[in-house]
Amino acid sequence: MATLNLIDQATLAGQVQTRINQLKASMDQRKEIWDRLPVEKKKAWILSGKDPIMSLSWTIYRYLRNNFFDPRTDNE
């Protein structure tokens, strides 16, 4: 079994949080448009590769969903 070292994780978390806040701000700029689109156009937007922020967000979402979180517990 692997050993998990949590030393200096608070520092790393702070650094990551800064970037997460930047990502959230970028996503918020897209929110109004996103909310008006039908599902088909949302999928096309994500998969087009023309918007690096949307592509990155989708990749992060899928990674976390598939490796750490059960979709049935998303609302808990």
Protein backbone atom coordinates (compact mmCIF):
# COMPACT_ATOMS: atom_id res chain seq x y z
CA MET A 1 0.00 0.00 0.00
CA ALA A 2 1.27 3.48 -0.88
CA THR A 3 2.10 5.99 1.82
CA LEU A 4 0.39 9.35 1.62
CA ASN A 5 2.50 12.24 2.88
CA LEU A 6 0.36 15.23 3.87
CA ILE A 7 3.22 17.53 4.90
CA ASP A 8 2.97 20.98 3.28
CA GLN A 9 -0.43 20.18 1.81
CA ALA A 10 -1.92 23.36 3.29
CA THR A 11 0.60 25.41 1.31
CA LEU A 12 -0.19 23.51 -1.87
CA ALA A 13 -3.93 23.84 -1.24
CA GLY A 14 -3.55 27.61 -0.91
CA GLN A 15 -1.67 27.78 -4.20
CA VAL A 16 -4.25 25.63 -5.96
CA GLN A 17 -7.12 27.65 -4.44
CA THR A 18 -5.76 30.79 -6.11
CA ARG A 19 -5.92 29.07 -9.49
CA ILE A 20 -9.33 27.56 -8.75
CA ASN A 21 -10.64 31.06 -8.02
CA GLN A 22 -9.30 32.22 -11.39
CA LEU A 23 -10.98 29.27 -13.10
CA LYS A 24 -14.27 30.01 -11.34
CA ALA A 25 -14.12 33.65 -12.42
CA SER A 26 -13.51 32.56 -16.01
CA MET A 27 -16.39 30.10 -15.85
CA ASP A 28 -18.67 32.80 -14.43
CA GLN A 29 -18.00 34.89 -17.55
CA ARG A 30 -19.49 32.06 -19.63
CA LYS A 31 -22.44 31.24 -17.34
CA GLU A 32 -25.08 33.52 -18.86
CA ILE A 33 -24.48 32.13 -22.35
CA TRP A 34 -24.20 28.54 -21.08
CA ASP A 35 -27.57 28.75 -19.36
CA ARG A 36 -29.31 29.71 -22.60
CA LEU A 37 -27.87 26.87 -24.71
CA PRO A 38 -29.57 23.54 -25.41
CA VAL A 39 -27.71 20.39 -24.36
CA GLU A 40 -26.50 19.65 -27.91
CA LYS A 41 -24.79 23.04 -28.18
CA LYS A 42 -23.26 22.68 -24.72
CA LYS A 43 -21.71 19.37 -25.77
CA ALA A 44 -20.43 20.89 -29.00
CA TRP A 45 -18.90 23.81 -27.09
CA ILE A 46 -17.06 21.52 -24.69
CA LEU A 47 -15.82 19.13 -27.37
CA SER A 48 -14.84 21.74 -29.97
CA GLY A 49 -11.53 22.55 -28.28
CA LYS A 50 -12.02 26.22 -29.20
CA ASP A 51 -12.44 27.33 -25.58
CA PRO A 52 -9.50 26.09 -23.47
CA ILE A 53 -11.21 27.02 -20.19
CA MET A 54 -14.30 24.93 -21.00
CA SER A 55 -12.14 22.03 -22.19
CA LEU A 56 -10.04 22.17 -19.02
CA SER A 57 -13.10 22.40 -16.78
CA TRP A 58 -14.68 19.41 -18.48
CA THR A 59 -11.49 17.36 -18.13
CA ILE A 60 -11.22 18.21 -14.42
CA TYR A 61 -14.90 17.43 -13.85
CA ARG A 62 -14.65 14.03 -15.55
CA TYR A 63 -11.48 13.13 -13.67
CA LEU A 64 -12.98 13.95 -10.28
CA ARG A 65 -16.32 12.30 -11.09
CA ASN A 66 -14.72 9.13 -12.41
CA ASN A 67 -12.02 8.75 -9.78
CA PHE A 68 -13.30 10.25 -6.55
CA PHE A 69 -17.01 11.04 -6.50
CA ASP A 70 -20.11 8.95 -6.99
CA PRO A 71 -22.60 10.88 -9.16
CA ARG A 72 -25.42 9.72 -6.89
CA THR A 73 -23.94 11.75 -4.01
CA ASP A 74 -23.43 15.00 -5.92
CA ASN A 75 -26.24 16.75 -4.02
CA GLU A 76 -25.15 15.73 -0.54
